[in-house]
Structure formats: C-alpha cells, structure tokens
Amino acid sequence: MMRRLAPIALVLALAACGDRGGGPAEIDGAPAAIDAASIDAAPAVDAGPAPDAPELGVYCGPEAVLCTPDTSQGCCEEKGLDPRCEPNGGLCLGTLTSCDGREDCPVGDICCDYGFGPGCGANNDCTADLGGTPVCHTSADCIPATPNCCDERCTAQACEP
C-alpha cells in the first residue's frame, strides 16, 4: 500500500510547489521540454546466453567438433574413417551418436542406446525389454526403472565403487 501512495504524494508535492522561477518554464514563448527518461522505461539489456547452458549436440572426433542438430544427425564413426559430423540426410554406415545425455533431446525424451549409437526417443521405448539403455551424465538423467548412472549408462543396480 505504501508503494502506491509514494508516487501520488510526490506528484502532489511537486504540484503544490508550482513555478517559482528557477526552472525553464518557457523558451521563446513555448513550454520548455524536459529531456529526461521516463521513470517506467527500463533500458534494454542483452543478457546473452545463460553462462552454464549446455550446448545442444555431441562432440565428435579427436578435435571435439560439436555436431549440432540444426546441421547434423550426430557423430558418425565408421571403420577405416575419421569420426565426422554426419550431415542431415546423410548415411552413416557405422555408429551414429546423436546425443550424450537427456539435455540433447526434446523435452520429454531421453537419450537411449540400442547398441548402434545413442539417439533420442520416448522414455517408455528406452527399456531393457526393447534393448535400450538410457545414456546419462548423472542419476538425475535416468528413469525410475534404471535410476543409477554408472559409466554414462543408467542401470537398475547400484554403481560399483
């Protein structure tokens, strides 16, 4: 309540003062313009990216090139060739890694390895019954059926020390 009354009290106090001749009331017969920013106007601030935001995509090869979903399916490792970012629409005849954790997948999906390289999929499809193993960085990336993150894979068993 006090905050709402403060601006009103300020306006009333200023109105009571009137023009006492110390300010620029008129210039060449026209009211003087006050060159000041509005109190309600906030300057535009470009905060930029969040400082610890994870990068979307996977790192690939000895140079650790980031393969991002906008230009690549992921990191392709084929026998006899150097690992590379496989372009969208390309064909990887080896292991294609398109995620290395839940953060690389759309909200609600999980990074799952079916044995031929991790990719994003629905939580319900990434089960041992279907041949899938969730990929993780921490146990928070795992699902209830396999709650422990051990060696970057979720498992039902506790991790060995």
C-alpha atoms as a PDB file:
ATOM      1  CA  MET A   1       0.000   0.000   0.000  1.00  0.00           C
ATOM      2  CA  MET A   2       2.834   2.369   0.851  1.00  0.00           C
ATOM      3  CA  ARG A   3       4.437   1.915  -2.589  1.00  0.00           C
ATOM      4  CA  ARG A   4       1.251   3.001  -4.417  1.00  0.00           C
ATOM      5  CA  LEU A   5       0.928   6.169  -2.348  1.00  0.00           C
ATOM      6  CA  ALA A   6       4.545   7.302  -2.786  1.00  0.00           C
ATOM      7  CA  PRO A   7       4.209   8.406  -6.483  1.00  0.00           C
ATOM      8  CA  ILE A   8       0.902  10.170  -5.743  1.00  0.00           C
ATOM      9  CA  ALA A   9       2.437  12.046  -2.809  1.00  0.00           C
ATOM     10  CA  LEU A  10       5.380  13.091  -4.999  1.00  0.00           C
ATOM     11  CA  VAL A  11       3.065  14.467  -7.707  1.00  0.00           C
ATOM     12  CA  LEU A  12       1.021  16.394  -5.144  1.00  0.00           C
ATOM     13  CA  ALA A  13       4.145  17.856  -3.570  1.00  0.00           C
ATOM     14  CA  LEU A  14       5.501  18.982  -6.941  1.00  0.00           C
ATOM     15  CA  ALA A  15       2.145  20.483  -7.952  1.00  0.00           C
ATOM     16  CA  ALA A  16       1.998  22.459  -4.704  1.00  0.00           C
ATOM     17  CA  CYS A  17       5.407  23.980  -5.434  1.00  0.00           C
ATOM     18  CA  GLY A  18       4.286  25.491  -8.740  1.00  0.00           C
ATOM     19  CA  ASP A  19       6.637  27.519 -10.925  1.00  0.00           C
ATOM     20  CA  ARG A  20       8.844  29.560  -8.665  1.00  0.00           C
ATOM     21  CA  GLY A  21      11.035  30.855 -11.373  1.00  0.00           C
ATOM     22  CA  GLY A  22      14.100  28.667 -11.036  1.00  0.00           C
ATOM     23  CA  GLY A  23      13.396  26.254 -13.851  1.00  0.00           C
ATOM     24  CA  PRO A  24      12.990  26.537 -17.611  1.00  0.00           C
ATOM     25  CA  ALA A  25       9.266  27.378 -17.725  1.00  0.00           C
ATOM     26  CA  GLU A  26       9.304  28.883 -21.227  1.00  0.00           C
ATOM     27  CA  ILE A  27      11.705  29.210 -24.081  1.00  0.00           C
ATOM     28  CA  ASP A  28      10.741  31.653 -26.857  1.00  0.00           C
ATOM     29  CA  GLY A  29       7.134  31.600 -25.620  1.00  0.00           C
ATOM     30  CA  ALA A  30       6.791  27.777 -25.760  1.00  0.00           C
ATOM     31  CA  PRO A  31       6.798  25.481 -22.769  1.00  0.00           C
ATOM     32  CA  ALA A  32      10.239  24.031 -22.143  1.00  0.00           C
ATOM     33  CA  ALA A  33      10.752  20.355 -22.843  1.00  0.00           C
ATOM     34  CA  ILE A  34      12.393  18.303 -20.165  1.00  0.00           C
ATOM     35  CA  ASP A  35      14.984  15.942 -21.585  1.00  0.00           C
ATOM     36  CA  ALA A  36      14.698  13.052 -19.142  1.00  0.00           C
ATOM     37  CA  ALA A  37      13.920   9.355 -19.456  1.00  0.00           C
ATOM     38  CA  SER A  38      10.601   8.081 -18.207  1.00  0.00           C
ATOM     39  CA  ILE A  39      10.702   6.526 -14.765  1.00  0.00           C
ATOM     40  CA  ASP A  40       8.882   3.461 -16.098  1.00  0.00           C
ATOM     41  CA  ALA A  41      11.232   2.989 -19.038  1.00  0.00           C
ATOM     42  CA  ALA A  42      13.799   0.288 -18.442  1.00  0.00           C
ATOM     43  CA  PRO A  43      16.876   0.141 -20.648  1.00  0.00           C
ATOM     44  CA  ALA A  44      17.063  -2.824 -22.986  1.00  0.00           C
ATOM     45  CA  VAL A  45      19.614  -5.325 -21.750  1.00  0.00           C
ATOM     46  CA  ASP A  46      21.001  -8.153 -23.861  1.00  0.00           C
ATOM     47  CA  ALA A  47      21.820 -10.773 -21.270  1.00  0.00           C
ATOM     48  CA  GLY A  48      23.212 -13.132 -23.886  1.00  0.00           C
ATOM     49  CA  PRO A  49      23.251 -16.895 -23.385  1.00  0.00           C
ATOM     50  CA  ALA A  50      22.982 -18.379 -19.927  1.00  0.00           C
ATOM     51  CA  PRO A  51      26.510 -18.789 -18.558  1.00  0.00           C
ATOM     52  CA  ASP A  52      26.271 -22.523 -17.866  1.00  0.00           C
ATOM     53  CA  ALA A  53      23.738 -23.521 -20.513  1.00  0.00           C
ATOM     54  CA  PRO A  54      24.631 -26.879 -22.042  1.00  0.00           C
ATOM     55  CA  GLU A  55      25.399 -26.888 -25.733  1.00  0.00           C
ATOM     56  CA  LEU A  56      22.972 -28.870 -27.821  1.00  0.00           C
ATOM     57  CA  GLY A  57      24.669 -31.646 -29.748  1.00  0.00           C
ATOM     58  CA  VAL A  58      27.539 -34.087 -29.337  1.00  0.00           C
ATOM     59  CA  TYR A  59      31.299 -33.690 -29.591  1.00  0.00           C
ATOM     60  CA  CYS A  60      32.955 -35.729 -32.293  1.00  0.00           C
ATOM     61  CA  GLY A  61      36.447 -36.976 -33.086  1.00  0.00           C
ATOM     62  CA  PRO A  62      39.858 -36.036 -31.707  1.00  0.00           C
ATOM     63  CA  GLU A  63      39.239 -32.341 -32.488  1.00  0.00           C
ATOM     64  CA  ALA A  64      35.987 -32.484 -30.464  1.00  0.00           C
ATOM     65  CA  VAL A  65      33.912 -30.798 -33.179  1.00  0.00           C
ATOM     66  CA  LEU A  66      30.372 -30.086 -31.962  1.00  0.00           C
ATOM     67  CA  CYS A  67      27.765 -31.810 -34.143  1.00  0.00           C
ATOM     68  CA  THR A  68      24.574 -29.772 -33.695  1.00  0.00           C
ATOM     69  CA  PRO A  69      21.046 -30.928 -34.637  1.00  0.00           C
ATOM     70  CA  ASP A  70      20.462 -27.982 -36.982  1.00  0.00           C
ATOM     71  CA  THR A  71      23.142 -29.209 -39.411  1.00  0.00           C
ATOM     72  CA  SER A  72      23.944 -32.771 -38.396  1.00  0.00           C
ATOM     73  CA  GLN A  73      22.431 -36.118 -37.394  1.00  0.00           C
ATOM     74  CA  GLY A  74      25.295 -36.602 -34.942  1.00  0.00           C
ATOM     75  CA  CYS A  75      28.803 -38.060 -34.834  1.00  0.00           C
ATOM     76  CA  CYS A  76      29.403 -40.896 -37.288  1.00  0.00           C
ATOM     77  CA  GLU A  77      32.165 -43.415 -36.576  1.00  0.00           C
ATOM     78  CA  GLU A  78      32.796 -45.795 -39.475  1.00  0.00           C
ATOM     79  CA  LYS A  79      35.512 -48.407 -39.715  1.00  0.00           C
ATOM     80  CA  GLY A  80      38.568 -47.019 -41.506  1.00  0.00           C
ATOM     81  CA  LEU A  81      37.364 -43.395 -41.494  1.00  0.00           C
ATOM     82  CA  ASP A  82      37.868 -40.500 -39.098  1.00  0.00           C
ATOM     83  CA  PRO A  83      34.819 -39.641 -36.966  1.00  0.00           C
ATOM     84  CA  ARG A  84      32.767 -36.844 -38.530  1.00  0.00           C
ATOM     85  CA  CYS A  85      29.542 -34.909 -38.124  1.00  0.00           C
ATOM     86  CA  GLU A  86      27.077 -36.707 -40.393  1.00  0.00           C
ATOM     87  CA  PRO A  87      25.048 -34.124 -42.319  1.00  0.00           C
ATOM     88  CA  ASN A  88      21.259 -34.201 -42.139  1.00  0.00           C
ATOM     89  CA  GLY A  89      20.063 -36.544 -44.861  1.00  0.00           C
ATOM     90  CA  GLY A  90      23.439 -38.351 -44.956  1.00  0.00           C
ATOM     91  CA  LEU A  91      24.072 -42.064 -44.376  1.00  0.00           C
ATOM     92  CA  CYS A  92      26.299 -43.317 -41.567  1.00  0.00           C
ATOM     93  CA  LEU A  93      27.385 -46.912 -42.076  1.00  0.00           C
ATOM     94  CA  GLY A  94      28.779 -47.224 -38.563  1.00  0.00           C
ATOM     95  CA  THR A  95      27.900 -45.943 -35.116  1.00  0.00           C
ATOM     96  CA  LEU A  96      25.883 -42.718 -35.131  1.00  0.00           C
ATOM     97  CA  THR A  97      25.815 -40.853 -31.813  1.00  0.00           C
ATOM     98  CA  SER A  98      23.211 -38.098 -31.814  1.00  0.00           C
ATOM     99  CA  CYS A  99      23.058 -37.466 -28.045  1.00  0.00           C
ATOM    100  CA  ASP A 100      25.200 -37.988 -24.976  1.00  0.00           C
ATOM    101  CA  GLY A 101      22.541 -37.184 -22.391  1.00  0.00           C
ATOM    102  CA  ARG A 102      18.953 -36.061 -21.879  1.00  0.00           C
ATOM    103  CA  GLU A 103      19.919 -32.400 -22.498  1.00  0.00           C
ATOM    104  CA  ASP A 104      20.439 -33.127 -26.206  1.00  0.00           C
ATOM    105  CA  CYS A 105      16.872 -34.376 -26.675  1.00  0.00           C
ATOM    106  CA  PRO A 106      13.487 -32.665 -26.959  1.00  0.00           C
ATOM    107  CA  VAL A 107      11.676 -32.135 -23.650  1.00  0.00           C
ATOM    108  CA  GLY A 108      10.113 -35.402 -22.512  1.00  0.00           C
ATOM    109  CA  ASP A 109      12.504 -37.620 -24.481  1.00  0.00           C
ATOM    110  CA  ILE A 110      15.584 -39.440 -23.259  1.00  0.00           C
ATOM    111  CA  CYS A 111      18.949 -40.270 -24.815  1.00  0.00           C
ATOM    112  CA  CYS A 112      18.851 -44.039 -25.401  1.00  0.00           C
ATOM    113  CA  ASP A 113      21.461 -46.505 -26.690  1.00  0.00           C
ATOM    114  CA  TYR A 114      20.097 -49.536 -28.546  1.00  0.00           C
ATOM    115  CA  GLY A 115      23.587 -50.845 -29.312  1.00  0.00           C
ATOM    116  CA  PHE A 116      24.244 -48.962 -32.546  1.00  0.00           C
ATOM    117  CA  GLY A 117      24.710 -45.484 -31.084  1.00  0.00           C
ATOM    118  CA  PRO A 118      22.689 -43.295 -28.728  1.00  0.00           C
ATOM    119  CA  GLY A 119      19.706 -41.378 -30.061  1.00  0.00           C
ATOM    120  CA  CYS A 120      16.696 -39.534 -28.661  1.00  0.00           C
ATOM    121  CA  GLY A 121      13.465 -41.373 -28.007  1.00  0.00           C
ATOM    122  CA  ALA A 122      10.468 -41.682 -25.717  1.00  0.00           C
ATOM    123  CA  ASN A 123      11.151 -42.729 -22.122  1.00  0.00           C
ATOM    124  CA  ASN A 124       8.824 -45.737 -22.473  1.00  0.00           C
ATOM    125  CA  ASP A 125      10.750 -47.017 -25.514  1.00  0.00           C
ATOM    126  CA  CYS A 126      14.131 -46.991 -23.768  1.00  0.00           C
ATOM    127  CA  THR A 127      13.809 -50.173 -21.732  1.00  0.00           C
ATOM    128  CA  ALA A 128      15.837 -53.351 -21.397  1.00  0.00           C
ATOM    129  CA  ASP A 129      12.853 -55.283 -22.836  1.00  0.00           C
ATOM    130  CA  LEU A 130      13.211 -53.286 -26.042  1.00  0.00           C
ATOM    131  CA  GLY A 131      17.026 -53.476 -25.998  1.00  0.00           C
ATOM    132  CA  GLY A 132      17.584 -49.879 -24.878  1.00  0.00           C
ATOM    133  CA  THR A 133      19.786 -48.385 -22.187  1.00  0.00           C
ATOM    134  CA  PRO A 134      19.354 -44.728 -21.144  1.00  0.00           C
ATOM    135  CA  VAL A 135      22.510 -42.604 -21.510  1.00  0.00           C
ATOM    136  CA  CYS A 136      23.340 -40.268 -18.617  1.00  0.00           C
ATOM    137  CA  HIS A 137      25.723 -37.795 -17.016  1.00  0.00           C
ATOM    138  CA  THR A 138      24.158 -38.073 -13.545  1.00  0.00           C
ATOM    139  CA  SER A 139      21.445 -40.196 -11.944  1.00  0.00           C
ATOM    140  CA  ALA A 140      19.024 -37.275 -12.481  1.00  0.00           C
ATOM    141  CA  ASP A 141      19.148 -38.123 -16.218  1.00  0.00           C
ATOM    142  CA  CYS A 142      17.860 -41.657 -15.564  1.00  0.00           C
ATOM    143  CA  ILE A 143      14.333 -43.060 -15.420  1.00  0.00           C
ATOM    144  CA  PRO A 144      12.723 -44.810 -12.422  1.00  0.00           C
ATOM    145  CA  ALA A 145      13.255 -48.320 -13.860  1.00  0.00           C
ATOM    146  CA  THR A 146      17.021 -47.693 -14.117  1.00  0.00           C
ATOM    147  CA  PRO A 147      17.773 -44.958 -11.546  1.00  0.00           C
ATOM    148  CA  ASN A 148      21.578 -45.212 -11.214  1.00  0.00           C
ATOM    149  CA  CYS A 149      24.030 -43.550 -13.619  1.00  0.00           C
ATOM    150  CA  CYS A 150      27.108 -45.799 -13.858  1.00  0.00           C
ATOM    151  CA  ASP A 151      29.733 -45.303 -16.583  1.00  0.00           C
ATOM    152  CA  GLU A 152      27.386 -42.996 -18.547  1.00  0.00           C
ATOM    153  CA  ARG A 153      24.606 -45.603 -18.721  1.00  0.00           C
ATOM    154  CA  CYS A 154      21.548 -45.902 -16.466  1.00  0.00           C
ATOM    155  CA  THR A 155      21.200 -49.172 -14.605  1.00  0.00           C
ATOM    156  CA  ALA A 156      18.888 -50.735 -12.018  1.00  0.00           C
ATOM    157  CA  GLN A 157      21.897 -51.953  -9.993  1.00  0.00           C
ATOM    158  CA  ALA A 158      23.936 -49.694  -7.719  1.00  0.00           C
ATOM    159  CA  CYS A 159      27.217 -48.494  -9.203  1.00  0.00           C
ATOM    160  CA  GLU A 160      30.379 -50.348  -8.245  1.00  0.00           C
ATOM    161  CA  PRO A 161      32.901 -48.192  -6.375  1.00  0.00           C
END
